[in-house]
Amino acid sequence: NMVKGLIVAGARSSLPKSVLKVLKEYEKNGWEKLPELRDSKIFQNREGFLPSQRSGYYREYDAGPKSSPDRFVRGAGGEFYYSPTHYGSRGSTPAFINIPGK
């Protein structure tokens, strides 16, 4: 399923090892408790890549060092996305990968 051709379905196992490590840290410590990363900033969805929702519905999180383009976006309804490109598609790399919940 794609929105504007920029979202693809993926599996947790498809995440890079470094990103999976950060994801496990968030899950272990809580999504507001990793001070070295930018946690829980509202994701505006200005480009309309994700399904349209009310303001504040999506929150974004670093998925790597601050200089990394990797991001997580969580929806209030449980949706979970990973962006390896800081929300922009590059060639065959999509803006978002929709990762199913556990």
Protein backbone atom coordinates (compact mmCIF):
# COMPACT_ATOMS: atom_id res chain seq x y z
CA ASN A 1 0.00 0.00 0.00
CA MET A 2 1.35 3.37 -0.96
CA VAL A 3 0.29 6.95 -0.40
CA LYS A 4 1.56 9.20 -3.19
CA GLY A 5 3.98 6.37 -4.07
CA LEU A 6 6.14 7.07 -1.04
CA ILE A 7 5.14 4.41 1.49
CA VAL A 8 5.99 0.73 1.25
CA ALA A 9 5.18 -2.12 3.62
CA GLY A 10 8.11 -3.64 5.46
CA ALA A 11 8.97 -5.87 8.38
CA ARG A 12 10.92 -5.17 11.54
CA SER A 13 13.53 -7.58 10.26
CA SER A 14 14.07 -5.30 7.24
CA LEU A 15 15.32 -2.43 9.41
CA PRO A 16 19.06 -1.74 9.48
CA LYS A 17 20.69 -3.28 12.57
CA SER A 18 21.61 0.13 14.02
CA VAL A 19 18.01 1.34 13.64
CA LEU A 20 16.61 -1.87 15.13
CA LYS A 21 18.90 -1.36 18.13
CA VAL A 22 17.49 2.15 18.68
CA LEU A 23 13.93 0.83 18.27
CA LYS A 24 14.57 -1.80 20.97
CA GLU A 25 15.91 0.93 23.28
CA TYR A 26 12.75 3.00 22.81
CA GLU A 27 10.59 -0.05 23.46
CA LYS A 28 12.58 -0.94 26.57
CA ASN A 29 12.86 2.57 28.05
CA GLY A 30 9.74 4.26 26.75
CA TRP A 31 9.31 6.60 23.84
CA GLU A 32 10.03 9.72 25.91
CA LYS A 33 13.15 8.49 27.70
CA LEU A 34 16.13 8.61 25.34
CA PRO A 35 17.66 12.03 26.08
CA GLU A 36 20.45 11.67 23.50
CA LEU A 37 17.82 11.57 20.76
CA ARG A 38 15.06 13.96 19.76
CA ASP A 39 11.97 12.38 21.25
CA SER A 40 8.30 12.91 20.61
CA LYS A 41 8.27 15.97 18.39
CA ILE A 42 4.98 16.48 16.57
CA PHE A 43 5.26 15.35 12.96
CA GLN A 44 3.29 17.79 10.83
CA ASN A 45 2.94 15.59 7.70
CA ARG A 46 3.20 18.79 5.63
CA GLU A 47 4.11 16.88 2.48
CA GLY A 48 1.07 14.63 2.89
CA PHE A 49 3.14 11.44 2.65
CA LEU A 50 1.18 9.74 5.43
CA PRO A 51 -2.60 9.36 5.59
CA SER A 52 -4.25 12.65 6.55
CA GLN A 53 -5.00 12.97 10.26
CA ARG A 54 -5.67 15.73 12.79
CA SER A 55 -2.77 17.90 13.97
CA GLY A 56 -0.69 16.16 16.62
CA TYR A 57 -1.74 12.66 15.54
CA TYR A 58 1.78 11.73 14.39
CA ARG A 59 4.95 12.04 16.49
CA GLU A 60 8.50 11.73 15.22
CA TYR A 61 11.61 10.30 16.86
CA ASP A 62 15.27 10.03 15.90
CA ALA A 63 16.17 6.51 14.82
CA GLY A 64 19.90 7.16 14.92
CA PRO A 65 22.42 9.88 15.81
CA LYS A 66 21.16 13.44 15.33
CA SER A 67 23.16 13.73 12.12
CA SER A 68 21.42 10.64 10.73
CA PRO A 69 18.44 10.99 8.35
CA ASP A 70 16.75 7.98 10.01
CA ARG A 71 13.43 8.73 11.73
CA PHE A 72 10.53 6.88 13.31
CA VAL A 73 6.98 8.24 13.09
CA ARG A 74 4.23 6.85 15.32
CA GLY A 75 0.52 7.46 14.84
CA ALA A 76 -1.91 7.82 17.74
CA GLY A 77 -3.78 4.80 16.37
CA GLY A 78 -0.72 2.54 16.60
CA GLU A 79 0.68 3.05 13.10
CA PHE A 80 4.46 2.86 12.93
CA TYR A 81 6.68 4.13 10.14
CA TYR A 82 10.42 4.24 9.54
CA SER A 83 12.02 6.80 7.24
CA PRO A 84 15.58 6.15 6.08
CA THR A 85 15.62 9.46 4.19
CA HIS A 86 14.24 12.03 6.66
CA TYR A 87 10.91 11.91 4.82
CA GLY A 88 12.04 12.33 1.24
CA SER A 89 12.14 9.61 -1.38
CA ARG A 90 15.49 9.11 -3.09
CA GLY A 91 15.51 7.09 -6.26
CA SER A 92 14.07 3.70 -5.37
CA THR A 93 14.21 4.42 -1.60
CA PRO A 94 10.74 5.35 -0.30
CA ALA A 95 10.08 8.20 2.11
CA PHE A 96 8.46 5.79 4.60
CA ILE A 97 8.35 2.11 5.39
CA ASN A 98 5.21 1.01 7.25
CA ILE A 99 6.27 -1.46 9.93
CA PRO A 100 3.45 -3.61 11.36
CA GLY A 101 3.03 -3.76 15.14
CA LYS A 102 4.04 -6.67 17.25
